Amino acid sequence: MFQKLIPCLILLAISCEQKVGPEGLNYSEDKIVAVMLDMYIASELVNNREEPIKDSLQLTYSGEIEKIHNIELSVFERDIKYIKQDMEWYRDLHKIVSDSLDKLDEIYSKRTKAIKKTKK
């Protein structure tokens, strides 16, 4: 009995050591970051809407994001689950998205201030 158990334990140990990495993704990291960025922006646009409109907008934005990035969101979501197996990797990608959102917010704020100045 133990002779059969040892090879199984060795196989289990080897399979647990496999490292998660970009080669297991369906989409590139750059594409994943771009989609995440657009998903966050779309989420903010939909956030303060009433429920029937909110649902409709979410479907519309999701469809547009799929078209723009030439992806399937179900496959994208599998990639995110895969990345989350390595939380450091996920945090690194999320930091890129967060930094990009901050930069966009900064640009938007400057633009808004400039428009307000020209209207005075």
Foldseek 3Di string as FASTA:
>chain_A
DVVVVVVVVVVVVVVVPDDQDQVPAPDGLVLLLVLVLLLVVLCVVLVPDDPVVSVVSNVVSQVVSCVVSVHDVVSSVVRLVSQVVPVVSNVVSVVVSVVVVVVVVVVVVVVVVVVVVVVD
